[in-house]
Amino acid sequence: MIARLWHGTVPVERLDAYAAFLRERALPDYLAVPGNLGVQLLLRRDGPVGHVVALTRWSSWDAIRAFAGAEPARAKYYPEDAGFLLECEPFVQHYDVAAIATAAEGFVGPPSG
């Protein structure tokens, strides 16, 4: 399993509107791709800047490429992002998922795949 981490910054007064946009537009796109195993949208207010992190989990590099294109390290943006983001960071980060744990299920890892 591979985790894909994207980060963006917005003016803090636009953070809630951008999060709503992502929930309506981007998250359904992630979830529609075969091999997407889930999405978490994280928000942080830091003075005048709002930080947004999209943490997605994928079954394979092929699944990531189906979403992101031939260069999976490149960030994917929507035309509407320009009205929110302070900058478009060109790259995302990928991590191998070594374990997953939840309070309800306990230690579940290492995941298969």
PDB file of N, CA and C in Angstrom:
ATOM      1  N   MET A   1       0.843  -1.172   0.000  1.00  0.00           N
ATOM      2  CA  MET A   1       0.000   0.000   0.000  1.00  0.00           C
ATOM      3  C   MET A   1       0.892   1.239   0.000  1.00  0.00           C
ATOM      4  N   ILE A   2       0.457   2.242  -0.741  1.00  0.00           N
ATOM      5  CA  ILE A   2       1.227   3.473  -0.879  1.00  0.00           C
ATOM      6  C   ILE A   2       0.371   4.645  -0.407  1.00  0.00           C
ATOM      7  N   ALA A   3       0.952   5.499   0.414  1.00  0.00           N
ATOM      8  CA  ALA A   3       0.282   6.733   0.830  1.00  0.00           C
ATOM      9  C   ALA A   3       0.810   7.870  -0.027  1.00  0.00           C
ATOM     10  N   ARG A   4      -0.092   8.704  -0.482  1.00  0.00           N
ATOM     11  CA  ARG A   4       0.245   9.875  -1.300  1.00  0.00           C
ATOM     12  C   ARG A   4      -0.164  11.098  -0.496  1.00  0.00           C
ATOM     13  N   LEU A   5       0.785  12.001  -0.297  1.00  0.00           N
ATOM     14  CA  LEU A   5       0.544  13.160   0.540  1.00  0.00           C
ATOM     15  C   LEU A   5       0.711  14.433  -0.283  1.00  0.00           C
ATOM     16  N   TRP A   6      -0.380  15.200  -0.398  1.00  0.00           N
ATOM     17  CA  TRP A   6      -0.356  16.474  -1.100  1.00  0.00           C
ATOM     18  C   TRP A   6      -0.572  17.590  -0.084  1.00  0.00           C
ATOM     19  N   HIS A   7       0.139  18.709  -0.251  1.00  0.00           N
ATOM     20  CA  HIS A   7       0.024  19.856   0.651  1.00  0.00           C
ATOM     21  C   HIS A   7      -0.247  21.111  -0.155  1.00  0.00           C
ATOM     22  N   GLY A   8      -1.135  21.939   0.370  1.00  0.00           N
ATOM     23  CA  GLY A   8      -1.406  23.233  -0.244  1.00  0.00           C
ATOM     24  C   GLY A   8      -1.618  24.289   0.821  1.00  0.00           C
ATOM     25  N   THR A   9      -1.436  25.540   0.451  1.00  0.00           N
ATOM     26  CA  THR A   9      -1.680  26.652   1.366  1.00  0.00           C
ATOM     27  C   THR A   9      -2.679  27.614   0.739  1.00  0.00           C
ATOM     28  N   VAL A  10      -3.543  28.144   1.590  1.00  0.00           N
ATOM     29  CA  VAL A  10      -4.565  29.108   1.175  1.00  0.00           C
ATOM     30  C   VAL A  10      -4.638  30.209   2.222  1.00  0.00           C
ATOM     31  N   PRO A  11      -5.144  31.385   1.854  1.00  0.00           N
ATOM     32  CA  PRO A  11      -5.411  32.377   2.888  1.00  0.00           C
ATOM     33  C   PRO A  11      -6.384  31.772   3.904  1.00  0.00           C
ATOM     34  N   VAL A  12      -6.128  31.963   5.175  1.00  0.00           N
ATOM     35  CA  VAL A  12      -6.914  31.286   6.203  1.00  0.00           C
ATOM     36  C   VAL A  12      -8.406  31.590   6.077  1.00  0.00           C
ATOM     37  N   GLU A  13      -8.760  32.777   5.603  1.00  0.00           N
ATOM     38  CA  GLU A  13     -10.182  33.102   5.463  1.00  0.00           C
ATOM     39  C   GLU A  13     -10.844  32.330   4.324  1.00  0.00           C
ATOM     40  N   ARG A  14     -10.069  31.681   3.477  1.00  0.00           N
ATOM     41  CA  ARG A  14     -10.598  30.872   2.367  1.00  0.00           C
ATOM     42  C   ARG A  14     -10.515  29.364   2.656  1.00  0.00           C
ATOM     43  N   LEU A  15      -9.977  28.996   3.823  1.00  0.00           N
ATOM     44  CA  LEU A  15      -9.728  27.585   4.139  1.00  0.00           C
ATOM     45  C   LEU A  15     -11.011  26.753   4.124  1.00  0.00           C
ATOM     46  N   ASP A  16     -12.055  27.212   4.780  1.00  0.00           N
ATOM     47  CA  ASP A  16     -13.286  26.429   4.832  1.00  0.00           C
ATOM     48  C   ASP A  16     -13.926  26.290   3.453  1.00  0.00           C
ATOM     49  N   ALA A  17     -13.882  27.366   2.663  1.00  0.00           N
ATOM     50  CA  ALA A  17     -14.440  27.292   1.309  1.00  0.00           C
ATOM     51  C   ALA A  17     -13.637  26.324   0.443  1.00  0.00           C
ATOM     52  N   TYR A  18     -12.314  26.330   0.596  1.00  0.00           N
ATOM     53  CA  TYR A  18     -11.497  25.411  -0.193  1.00  0.00           C
ATOM     54  C   TYR A  18     -11.741  23.968   0.238  1.00  0.00           C
ATOM     55  N   ALA A  19     -11.870  23.748   1.537  1.00  0.00           N
ATOM     56  CA  ALA A  19     -12.158  22.396   2.007  1.00  0.00           C
ATOM     57  C   ALA A  19     -13.494  21.903   1.452  1.00  0.00           C
ATOM     58  N   ALA A  20     -14.484  22.776   1.397  1.00  0.00           N
ATOM     59  CA  ALA A  20     -15.779  22.396   0.822  1.00  0.00           C
ATOM     60  C   ALA A  20     -15.626  22.055  -0.652  1.00  0.00           C
ATOM     61  N   PHE A  21     -14.866  22.863  -1.381  1.00  0.00           N
ATOM     62  CA  PHE A  21     -14.612  22.568  -2.789  1.00  0.00           C
ATOM     63  C   PHE A  21     -13.950  21.201  -2.954  1.00  0.00           C
ATOM     64  N   LEU A  22     -12.938  20.926  -2.140  1.00  0.00           N
ATOM     65  CA  LEU A  22     -12.236  19.640  -2.247  1.00  0.00           C
ATOM     66  C   LEU A  22     -13.171  18.479  -1.942  1.00  0.00           C
ATOM     67  N   ARG A  23     -14.017  18.626  -0.917  1.00  0.00           N
ATOM     68  CA  ARG A  23     -14.964  17.554  -0.588  1.00  0.00           C
ATOM     69  C   ARG A  23     -15.928  17.294  -1.747  1.00  0.00           C
ATOM     70  N   GLU A  24     -16.318  18.349  -2.448  1.00  0.00           N
ATOM     71  CA  GLU A  24     -17.289  18.197  -3.531  1.00  0.00           C
ATOM     72  C   GLU A  24     -16.644  17.749  -4.847  1.00  0.00           C
ATOM     73  N   ARG A  25     -15.424  18.180  -5.108  1.00  0.00           N
ATOM     74  CA  ARG A  25     -14.813  17.963  -6.438  1.00  0.00           C
ATOM     75  C   ARG A  25     -13.684  16.935  -6.408  1.00  0.00           C
ATOM     76  N   ALA A  26     -12.699  17.135  -5.547  1.00  0.00           N
ATOM     77  CA  ALA A  26     -11.493  16.307  -5.592  1.00  0.00           C
ATOM     78  C   ALA A  26     -11.688  14.946  -4.928  1.00  0.00           C
ATOM     79  N   LEU A  27     -12.278  14.913  -3.745  1.00  0.00           N
ATOM     80  CA  LEU A  27     -12.400  13.639  -3.050  1.00  0.00           C
ATOM     81  C   LEU A  27     -13.199  12.615  -3.848  1.00  0.00           C
ATOM     82  N   PRO A  28     -14.307  12.994  -4.483  1.00  0.00           N
ATOM     83  CA  PRO A  28     -14.987  12.001  -5.332  1.00  0.00           C
ATOM     84  C   PRO A  28     -14.108  11.502  -6.484  1.00  0.00           C
ATOM     85  N   ASP A  29     -13.257  12.383  -7.026  1.00  0.00           N
ATOM     86  CA  ASP A  29     -12.333  11.941  -8.071  1.00  0.00           C
ATOM     87  C   ASP A  29     -11.371  10.879  -7.542  1.00  0.00           C
ATOM     88  N   TYR A  30     -10.799  11.129  -6.369  1.00  0.00           N
ATOM     89  CA  TYR A  30      -9.900  10.136  -5.761  1.00  0.00           C
ATOM     90  C   TYR A  30     -10.625   8.804  -5.604  1.00  0.00           C
ATOM     91  N   LEU A  31     -11.806   8.854  -5.005  1.00  0.00           N
ATOM     92  CA  LEU A  31     -12.515   7.626  -4.658  1.00  0.00           C
ATOM     93  C   LEU A  31     -13.019   6.864  -5.874  1.00  0.00           C
ATOM     94  N   ALA A  32     -13.172   7.537  -7.006  1.00  0.00           N
ATOM     95  CA  ALA A  32     -13.656   6.883  -8.215  1.00  0.00           C
ATOM     96  C   ALA A  32     -12.583   6.055  -8.914  1.00  0.00           C
ATOM     97  N   VAL A  33     -11.337   6.226  -8.546  1.00  0.00           N
ATOM     98  CA  VAL A  33     -10.243   5.514  -9.211  1.00  0.00           C
ATOM     99  C   VAL A  33     -10.080   4.126  -8.590  1.00  0.00           C
ATOM    100  N   PRO A  34     -10.186   3.064  -9.393  1.00  0.00           N
ATOM    101  CA  PRO A  34      -9.930   1.732  -8.853  1.00  0.00           C
ATOM    102  C   PRO A  34      -8.540   1.672  -8.220  1.00  0.00           C
ATOM    103  N   GLY A  35      -8.472   1.137  -7.028  1.00  0.00           N
ATOM    104  CA  GLY A  35      -7.199   1.059  -6.311  1.00  0.00           C
ATOM    105  C   GLY A  35      -7.028   2.141  -5.267  1.00  0.00           C
ATOM    106  N   ASN A  36      -7.940   3.124  -5.242  1.00  0.00           N
ATOM    107  CA  ASN A  36      -7.901   4.092  -4.144  1.00  0.00           C
ATOM    108  C   ASN A  36      -8.508   3.422  -2.927  1.00  0.00           C
ATOM    109  N   LEU A  37      -7.795   3.478  -1.822  1.00  0.00           N
ATOM    110  CA  LEU A  37      -8.219   2.801  -0.602  1.00  0.00           C
ATOM    111  C   LEU A  37      -8.714   3.756   0.471  1.00  0.00           C
ATOM    112  N   GLY A  38      -8.772   5.039   0.163  1.00  0.00           N
ATOM    113  CA  GLY A  38      -9.302   5.994   1.131  1.00  0.00           C
ATOM    114  C   GLY A  38      -8.624   7.342   1.034  1.00  0.00           C
ATOM    115  N   VAL A  39      -9.314   8.329   1.582  1.00  0.00           N
ATOM    116  CA  VAL A  39      -8.853   9.719   1.556  1.00  0.00           C
ATOM    117  C   VAL A  39      -9.078  10.333   2.925  1.00  0.00           C
ATOM    118  N   GLN A  40      -8.105  11.104   3.382  1.00  0.00           N
ATOM    119  CA  GLN A  40      -8.270  11.944   4.566  1.00  0.00           C
ATOM    120  C   GLN A  40      -7.900  13.361   4.164  1.00  0.00           C
ATOM    121  N   LEU A  41      -8.730  14.311   4.544  1.00  0.00           N
ATOM    122  CA  LEU A  41      -8.475  15.713   4.281  1.00  0.00           C
ATOM    123  C   LEU A  41      -8.162  16.375   5.613  1.00  0.00           C
ATOM    124  N   LEU A  42      -6.966  16.940   5.733  1.00  0.00           N
ATOM    125  CA  LEU A  42      -6.492  17.533   6.982  1.00  0.00           C
ATOM    126  C   LEU A  42      -6.354  19.040   6.805  1.00  0.00           C
ATOM    127  N   LEU A  43      -6.796  19.806   7.804  1.00  0.00           N
ATOM    128  CA  LEU A  43      -6.732  21.264   7.761  1.00  0.00           C
ATOM    129  C   LEU A  43      -6.008  21.784   8.995  1.00  0.00           C
ATOM    130  N   ARG A  44      -5.250  22.873   8.799  1.00  0.00           N
ATOM    131  CA  ARG A  44      -4.572  23.520   9.933  1.00  0.00           C
ATOM    132  C   ARG A  44      -4.544  25.022   9.686  1.00  0.00           C
ATOM    133  N   ARG A  45      -4.914  25.751  10.710  1.00  0.00           N
ATOM    134  CA  ARG A  45      -4.845  27.213  10.664  1.00  0.00           C
ATOM    135  C   ARG A  45      -3.548  27.656  11.327  1.00  0.00           C
ATOM    136  N   ASP A  46      -2.792  28.483  10.635  1.00  0.00           N
ATOM    137  CA  ASP A  46      -1.495  28.949  11.136  1.00  0.00           C
ATOM    138  C   ASP A  46      -1.399  30.449  10.859  1.00  0.00           C
ATOM    139  N   GLY A  47      -2.006  31.240  11.745  1.00  0.00           N
ATOM    140  CA  GLY A  47      -2.041  32.680  11.526  1.00  0.00           C
ATOM    141  C   GLY A  47      -2.818  32.998  10.269  1.00  0.00           C
ATOM    142  N   PRO A  48      -2.214  33.729   9.332  1.00  0.00           N
ATOM    143  CA  PRO A  48      -2.931  34.125   8.121  1.00  0.00           C
ATOM    144  C   PRO A  48      -2.998  33.034   7.048  1.00  0.00           C
ATOM    145  N   VAL A  49      -2.341  31.914   7.288  1.00  0.00           N
ATOM    146  CA  VAL A  49      -2.250  30.852   6.279  1.00  0.00           C
ATOM    147  C   VAL A  49      -2.991  29.614   6.754  1.00  0.00           C
ATOM    148  N   GLY A  50      -3.752  29.033   5.846  1.00  0.00           N
ATOM    149  CA  GLY A  50      -4.379  27.743   6.093  1.00  0.00           C
ATOM    150  C   GLY A  50      -3.624  26.678   5.325  1.00  0.00           C
ATOM    151  N   HIS A  51      -3.365  25.564   5.984  1.00  0.00           N
ATOM    152  CA  HIS A  51      -2.675  24.433   5.352  1.00  0.00           C
ATOM    153  C   HIS A  51      -3.691  23.325   5.107  1.00  0.00           C
ATOM    154  N   VAL A  52      -3.580  22.707   3.956  1.00  0.00           N
ATOM    155  CA  VAL A  52      -4.450  21.609   3.566  1.00  0.00           C
ATOM    156  C   VAL A  52      -3.560  20.440   3.178  1.00  0.00           C
ATOM    157  N   VAL A  53      -3.872  19.271   3.726  1.00  0.00           N
ATOM    158  CA  VAL A  53      -3.165  18.048   3.356  1.00  0.00           C
ATOM    159  C   VAL A  53      -4.211  17.032   2.918  1.00  0.00           C
ATOM    160  N   ALA A  54      -4.010  16.476   1.750  1.00  0.00           N
ATOM    161  CA  ALA A  54      -4.816  15.349   1.294  1.00  0.00           C
ATOM    162  C   ALA A  54      -3.943  14.110   1.404  1.00  0.00           C
ATOM    163  N   LEU A  55      -4.355  13.192   2.238  1.00  0.00           N
ATOM    164  CA  LEU A  55      -3.641  11.932   2.438  1.00  0.00           C
ATOM    165  C   LEU A  55      -4.491  10.830   1.830  1.00  0.00           C
ATOM    166  N   THR A  56      -3.992  10.257   0.748  1.00  0.00           N
ATOM    167  CA  THR A  56      -4.715   9.182   0.077  1.00  0.00           C
ATOM    168  C   THR A  56      -3.908   7.894   0.195  1.00  0.00           C
ATOM    169  N   ARG A  57      -4.629   6.779   0.157  1.00  0.00           N
ATOM    170  CA  ARG A  57      -3.977   5.474   0.196  1.00  0.00           C
ATOM    171  C   ARG A  57      -4.346   4.726  -1.076  1.00  0.00           C
ATOM    172  N   TRP A  58      -3.345   4.065  -1.647  1.00  0.00           N
ATOM    173  CA  TRP A  58      -3.490   3.417  -2.952  1.00  0.00           C
ATOM    174  C   TRP A  58      -2.974   1.989  -2.891  1.00  0.00           C
ATOM    175  N   SER A  59      -3.565   1.135  -3.709  1.00  0.00           N
ATOM    176  CA  SER A  59      -3.161  -0.274  -3.736  1.00  0.00           C
ATOM    177  C   SER A  59      -1.875  -0.501  -4.518  1.00  0.00           C
ATOM    178  N   SER A  60      -1.558   0.416  -5.469  1.00  0.00           N
ATOM    179  CA  SER A  60      -0.393   0.182  -6.330  1.00  0.00           C
ATOM    180  C   SER A  60       0.009   1.477  -7.036  1.00  0.00           C
ATOM    181  N   TRP A  61       1.197   1.447  -7.646  1.00  0.00           N
ATOM    182  CA  TRP A  61       1.641   2.575  -8.457  1.00  0.00           C
ATOM    183  C   TRP A  61       0.758   2.733  -9.685  1.00  0.00           C
ATOM    184  N   ASP A  62       0.272   1.631 -10.229  1.00  0.00           N
ATOM    185  CA  ASP A  62      -0.629   1.725 -11.376  1.00  0.00           C
ATOM    186  C   ASP A  62      -1.897   2.491 -11.017  1.00  0.00           C
ATOM    187  N   ALA A  63      -2.413   2.263  -9.820  1.00  0.00           N
ATOM    188  CA  ALA A  63      -3.603   2.989  -9.376  1.00  0.00           C
ATOM    189  C   ALA A  63      -3.304   4.483  -9.240  1.00  0.00           C
ATOM    190  N   ILE A  64      -2.131   4.811  -8.704  1.00  0.00           N
ATOM    191  CA  ILE A  64      -1.749   6.221  -8.581  1.00  0.00           C
ATOM    192  C   ILE A  64      -1.628   6.852  -9.965  1.00  0.00           C
ATOM    193  N   ARG A  65      -1.005   6.151 -10.904  1.00  0.00           N
ATOM    194  CA  ARG A  65      -0.869   6.685 -12.261  1.00  0.00           C
ATOM    195  C   ARG A  65      -2.237   6.885 -12.927  1.00  0.00           C
ATOM    196  N   ALA A  66      -3.180   5.996 -12.629  1.00  0.00           N
ATOM    197  CA  ALA A  66      -4.526   6.154 -13.191  1.00  0.00           C
ATOM    198  C   ALA A  66      -5.162   7.458 -12.711  1.00  0.00           C
ATOM    199  N   PHE A  67      -4.804   7.893 -11.519  1.00  0.00           N
ATOM    200  CA  PHE A  67      -5.311   9.159 -10.991  1.00  0.00           C
ATOM    201  C   PHE A  67      -4.462  10.344 -11.433  1.00  0.00           C
ATOM    202  N   ALA A  68      -3.146  10.233 -11.256  1.00  0.00           N
ATOM    203  CA  ALA A  68      -2.249  11.389 -11.386  1.00  0.00           C
ATOM    204  C   ALA A  68      -1.608  11.528 -12.759  1.00  0.00           C
ATOM    205  N   GLY A  69      -1.589  10.466 -13.537  1.00  0.00           N
ATOM    206  CA  GLY A  69      -0.929  10.519 -14.834  1.00  0.00           C
ATOM    207  C   GLY A  69       0.405   9.798 -14.821  1.00  0.00           C
ATOM    208  N   ALA A  70       1.148   9.946 -15.907  1.00  0.00           N
ATOM    209  CA  ALA A  70       2.386   9.199 -16.118  1.00  0.00           C
ATOM    210  C   ALA A  70       3.493   9.554 -15.128  1.00  0.00           C
ATOM    211  N   GLU A  71       3.438  10.749 -14.544  1.00  0.00           N
ATOM    212  CA  GLU A  71       4.437  11.175 -13.558  1.00  0.00           C
ATOM    213  C   GLU A  71       3.767  11.263 -12.190  1.00  0.00           C
ATOM    214  N   PRO A  72       3.719  10.162 -11.450  1.00  0.00           N
ATOM    215  CA  PRO A  72       2.940  10.146 -10.207  1.00  0.00           C
ATOM    216  C   PRO A  72       3.447  11.097  -9.122  1.00  0.00           C
ATOM    217  N   ALA A  73       4.688  11.555  -9.207  1.00  0.00           N
ATOM    218  CA  ALA A  73       5.200  12.493  -8.205  1.00  0.00           C
ATOM    219  C   ALA A  73       4.696  13.914  -8.446  1.00  0.00           C
ATOM    220  N   ARG A  74       4.141  14.182  -9.619  1.00  0.00           N
ATOM    221  CA  ARG A  74       3.598  15.512  -9.920  1.00  0.00           C
ATOM    222  C   ARG A  74       2.233  15.680  -9.257  1.00  0.00           C
ATOM    223  N   ALA A  75       2.008  16.840  -8.695  1.00  0.00           N
ATOM    224  CA  ALA A  75       0.717  17.141  -8.093  1.00  0.00           C
ATOM    225  C   ALA A  75      -0.337  17.316  -9.181  1.00  0.00           C
ATOM    226  N   LYS A  76      -1.561  16.957  -8.853  1.00  0.00           N
ATOM    227  CA  LYS A  76      -2.680  17.135  -9.777  1.00  0.00           C
ATOM    228  C   LYS A  76      -3.510  18.319  -9.280  1.00  0.00           C
ATOM    229  N   TYR A  77      -3.823  19.237 -10.182  1.00  0.00           N
ATOM    230  CA  TYR A  77      -4.613  20.414  -9.823  1.00  0.00           C
ATOM    231  C   TYR A  77      -5.842  20.528 -10.709  1.00  0.00           C
ATOM    232  N   TYR A  78      -6.836  21.201 -10.179  1.00  0.00           N
ATOM    233  CA  TYR A  78      -8.061  21.520 -10.895  1.00  0.00           C
ATOM    234  C   TYR A  78      -8.019  23.001 -11.269  1.00  0.00           C
ATOM    235  N   PRO A  79      -8.708  23.408 -12.331  1.00  0.00           N
ATOM    236  CA  PRO A  79      -8.698  24.834 -12.706  1.00  0.00           C
ATOM    237  C   PRO A  79      -9.135  25.747 -11.556  1.00  0.00           C
ATOM    238  N   GLU A  80     -10.073  25.293 -10.748  1.00  0.00           N
ATOM    239  CA  GLU A  80     -10.585  26.098  -9.639  1.00  0.00           C
ATOM    240  C   GLU A  80      -9.553  26.338  -8.543  1.00  0.00           C
ATOM    241  N   ASP A  81      -8.519  25.497  -8.466  1.00  0.00           N
ATOM    242  CA  ASP A  81      -7.498  25.652  -7.426  1.00  0.00           C
ATOM    243  C   ASP A  81      -6.844  27.029  -7.469  1.00  0.00           C
ATOM    244  N   ALA A  82      -6.719  27.606  -8.657  1.00  0.00           N
ATOM    245  CA  ALA A  82      -6.054  28.905  -8.799  1.00  0.00           C
ATOM    246  C   ALA A  82      -6.767  30.002  -8.013  1.00  0.00           C
ATOM    247  N   GLY A  83      -8.057  29.856  -7.783  1.00  0.00           N
ATOM    248  CA  GLY A  83      -8.810  30.839  -7.019  1.00  0.00           C
ATOM    249  C   GLY A  83      -8.660  30.701  -5.524  1.00  0.00           C
ATOM    250  N   PHE A  84      -7.967  29.657  -5.078  1.00  0.00           N
ATOM    251  CA  PHE A  84      -7.796  29.410  -3.650  1.00  0.00           C
ATOM    252  C   PHE A  84      -6.337  29.410  -3.208  1.00  0.00           C
ATOM    253  N   LEU A  85      -5.494  28.670  -3.923  1.00  0.00           N
ATOM    254  CA  LEU A  85      -4.143  28.370  -3.452  1.00  0.00           C
ATOM    255  C   LEU A  85      -3.199  29.561  -3.555  1.00  0.00           C
ATOM    256  N   LEU A  86      -2.320  29.688  -2.568  1.00  0.00           N
ATOM    257  CA  LEU A  86      -1.282  30.709  -2.603  1.00  0.00           C
ATOM    258  C   LEU A  86      -0.179  30.334  -3.582  1.00  0.00           C
ATOM    259  N   GLU A  87       0.042  29.043  -3.766  1.00  0.00           N
ATOM    260  CA  GLU A  87       0.984  28.534  -4.757  1.00  0.00           C
ATOM    261  C   GLU A  87       0.589  27.103  -5.089  1.00  0.00           C
ATOM    262  N   CYS A  88       1.031  26.638  -6.232  1.00  0.00           N
ATOM    263  CA  CYS A  88       0.781  25.252  -6.630  1.00  0.00           C
ATOM    264  C   CYS A  88       2.097  24.490  -6.502  1.00  0.00           C
ATOM    265  N   GLU A  89       2.237  23.809  -5.387  1.00  0.00           N
ATOM    266  CA  GLU A  89       3.445  23.014  -5.181  1.00  0.00           C
ATOM    267  C   GLU A  89       3.504  21.950  -6.268  1.00  0.00           C
ATOM    268  N   PRO A  90       4.647  21.799  -6.919  1.00  0.00           N
ATOM    269  CA  PRO A  90       4.690  20.916  -8.098  1.00  0.00           C
ATOM    270  C   PRO A  90       4.668  19.422  -7.789  1.00  0.00           C
ATOM    271  N   PHE A  91       5.087  19.048  -6.579  1.00  0.00           N
ATOM    272  CA  PHE A  91       5.241  17.622  -6.292  1.00  0.00           C
ATOM    273  C   PHE A  91       4.502  17.207  -5.023  1.00  0.00           C
ATOM    274  N   VAL A  92       4.175  15.937  -4.974  1.00  0.00           N
ATOM    275  CA  VAL A  92       3.610  15.306  -3.784  1.00  0.00           C
ATOM    276  C   VAL A  92       4.668  14.380  -3.195  1.00  0.00           C
ATOM    277  N   GLN A  93       4.359  13.805  -2.057  1.00  0.00           N
ATOM    278  CA  GLN A  93       5.253  12.817  -1.445  1.00  0.00           C
ATOM    279  C   GLN A  93       4.532  11.478  -1.390  1.00  0.00           C
ATOM    280  N   HIS A  94       5.305  10.417  -1.552  1.00  0.00           N
ATOM    281  CA  HIS A  94       4.763   9.066  -1.449  1.00  0.00           C
ATOM    282  C   HIS A  94       5.505   8.307  -0.348  1.00  0.00           C
ATOM    283  N   TYR A  95       4.769   7.462   0.347  1.00  0.00           N
ATOM    284  CA  TYR A  95       5.327   6.653   1.426  1.00  0.00           C
ATOM    285  C   TYR A  95       4.784   5.236   1.317  1.00  0.00           C
ATOM    286  N   ASP A  96       5.610   4.261   1.614  1.00  0.00           N
ATOM    287  CA  ASP A  96       5.122   2.894   1.787  1.00  0.00           C
ATOM    288  C   ASP A  96       4.437   2.835   3.143  1.00  0.00           C
ATOM    289  N   VAL A  97       3.243   2.277   3.183  1.00  0.00           N
ATOM    290  CA  VAL A  97       2.514   2.153   4.443  1.00  0.00           C
ATOM    291  C   VAL A  97       3.015   0.906   5.153  1.00  0.00           C
ATOM    292  N   ALA A  98       3.628   1.100   6.313  1.00  0.00           N
ATOM    293  CA  ALA A  98       4.217  -0.008   7.054  1.00  0.00           C
ATOM    294  C   ALA A  98       3.228  -0.659   8.008  1.00  0.00           C
ATOM    295  N   ALA A  99       2.229   0.090   8.453  1.00  0.00           N
ATOM    296  CA  ALA A  99       1.241  -0.449   9.383  1.00  0.00           C
ATOM    297  C   ALA A  99       0.056   0.502   9.451  1.00  0.00           C
ATOM    298  N   ILE A 100      -1.075  -0.058   9.818  1.00  0.00           N
ATOM    299  CA  ILE A 100      -2.280   0.715  10.084  1.00  0.00           C
ATOM    300  C   ILE A 100      -2.824   0.233  11.422  1.00  0.00           C
ATOM    301  N   ALA A 101      -3.224   1.165  12.264  1.00  0.00           N
ATOM    302  CA  ALA A 101      -3.809   0.801  13.550  1.00  0.00           C
ATOM    303  C   ALA A 101      -5.012   1.699  13.808  1.00  0.00           C
ATOM    304  N   THR A 102      -6.066   1.124  14.367  1.00  0.00           N
ATOM    305  CA  THR A 102      -7.227   1.904  14.776  1.00  0.00           C
ATOM    306  C   THR A 102      -7.601   1.500  16.193  1.00  0.00           C
ATOM    307  N   ALA A 103      -8.268   2.400  16.889  1.00  0.00           N
ATOM    308  CA  ALA A 103      -8.703   2.084  18.253  1.00  0.00           C
ATOM    309  C   ALA A 103      -9.678   0.910  18.253  1.00  0.00           C
ATOM    310  N   ALA A 104     -10.539   0.845  17.271  1.00  0.00           N
ATOM    311  CA  ALA A 104     -11.542  -0.216  17.212  1.00  0.00           C
ATOM    312  C   ALA A 104     -10.945  -1.566  16.825  1.00  0.00           C
ATOM    313  N   GLU A 105      -9.962  -1.551  15.924  1.00  0.00           N
ATOM    314  CA  GLU A 105      -9.433  -2.808  15.412  1.00  0.00           C
ATOM    315  C   GLU A 105      -8.047  -3.148  15.929  1.00  0.00           C
ATOM    316  N   GLY A 106      -7.381  -2.216  16.577  1.00  0.00           N
ATOM    317  CA  GLY A 106      -6.020  -2.463  17.028  1.00  0.00           C
ATOM    318  C   GLY A 106      -5.046  -2.436  15.852  1.00  0.00           C
ATOM    319  N   PHE A 107      -3.931  -3.086  16.018  1.00  0.00           N
ATOM    320  CA  PHE A 107      -2.898  -3.127  14.986  1.00  0.00           C
ATOM    321  C   PHE A 107      -3.376  -3.992  13.840  1.00  0.00           C
ATOM    322  N   VAL A 108      -3.374  -3.427  12.642  1.00  0.00           N
ATOM    323  CA  VAL A 108      -3.891  -4.136  11.483  1.00  0.00           C
ATOM    324  C   VAL A 108      -2.807  -4.438  10.469  1.00  0.00           C
ATOM    325  N   GLY A 109      -1.628  -3.869  10.624  1.00  0.00           N
ATOM    326  CA  GLY A 109      -0.610  -3.970   9.587  1.00  0.00           C
ATOM    327  C   GLY A 109       0.356  -5.110   9.841  1.00  0.00           C
ATOM    328  N   PRO A 110       1.338  -5.288   8.992  1.00  0.00           N
ATOM    329  CA  PRO A 110       1.499  -4.469   7.789  1.00  0.00           C
ATOM    330  C   PRO A 110       0.445  -4.828   6.761  1.00  0.00           C
ATOM    331  N   PRO A 111       0.022  -3.821   5.982  1.00  0.00           N
ATOM    332  CA  PRO A 111      -1.015  -4.099   4.997  1.00  0.00           C
ATOM    333  C   PRO A 111      -0.478  -4.938   3.848  1.00  0.00           C
ATOM    334  N   SER A 112      -1.360  -5.645   3.205  1.00  0.00           N
ATOM    335  CA  SER A 112      -0.948  -6.417   2.021  1.00  0.00           C
ATOM    336  C   SER A 112      -0.924  -5.493   0.819  1.00  0.00           C
ATOM    337  N   GLY A 113      -0.153  -5.844  -0.170  1.00  0.00           N
ATOM    338  CA  GLY A 113      -0.154  -5.072  -1.413  1.00  0.00           C
ATOM    339  C   GLY A 113       1.025  -4.232  -1.611  1.00  0.00           C
TER     340      GLY A 113
END
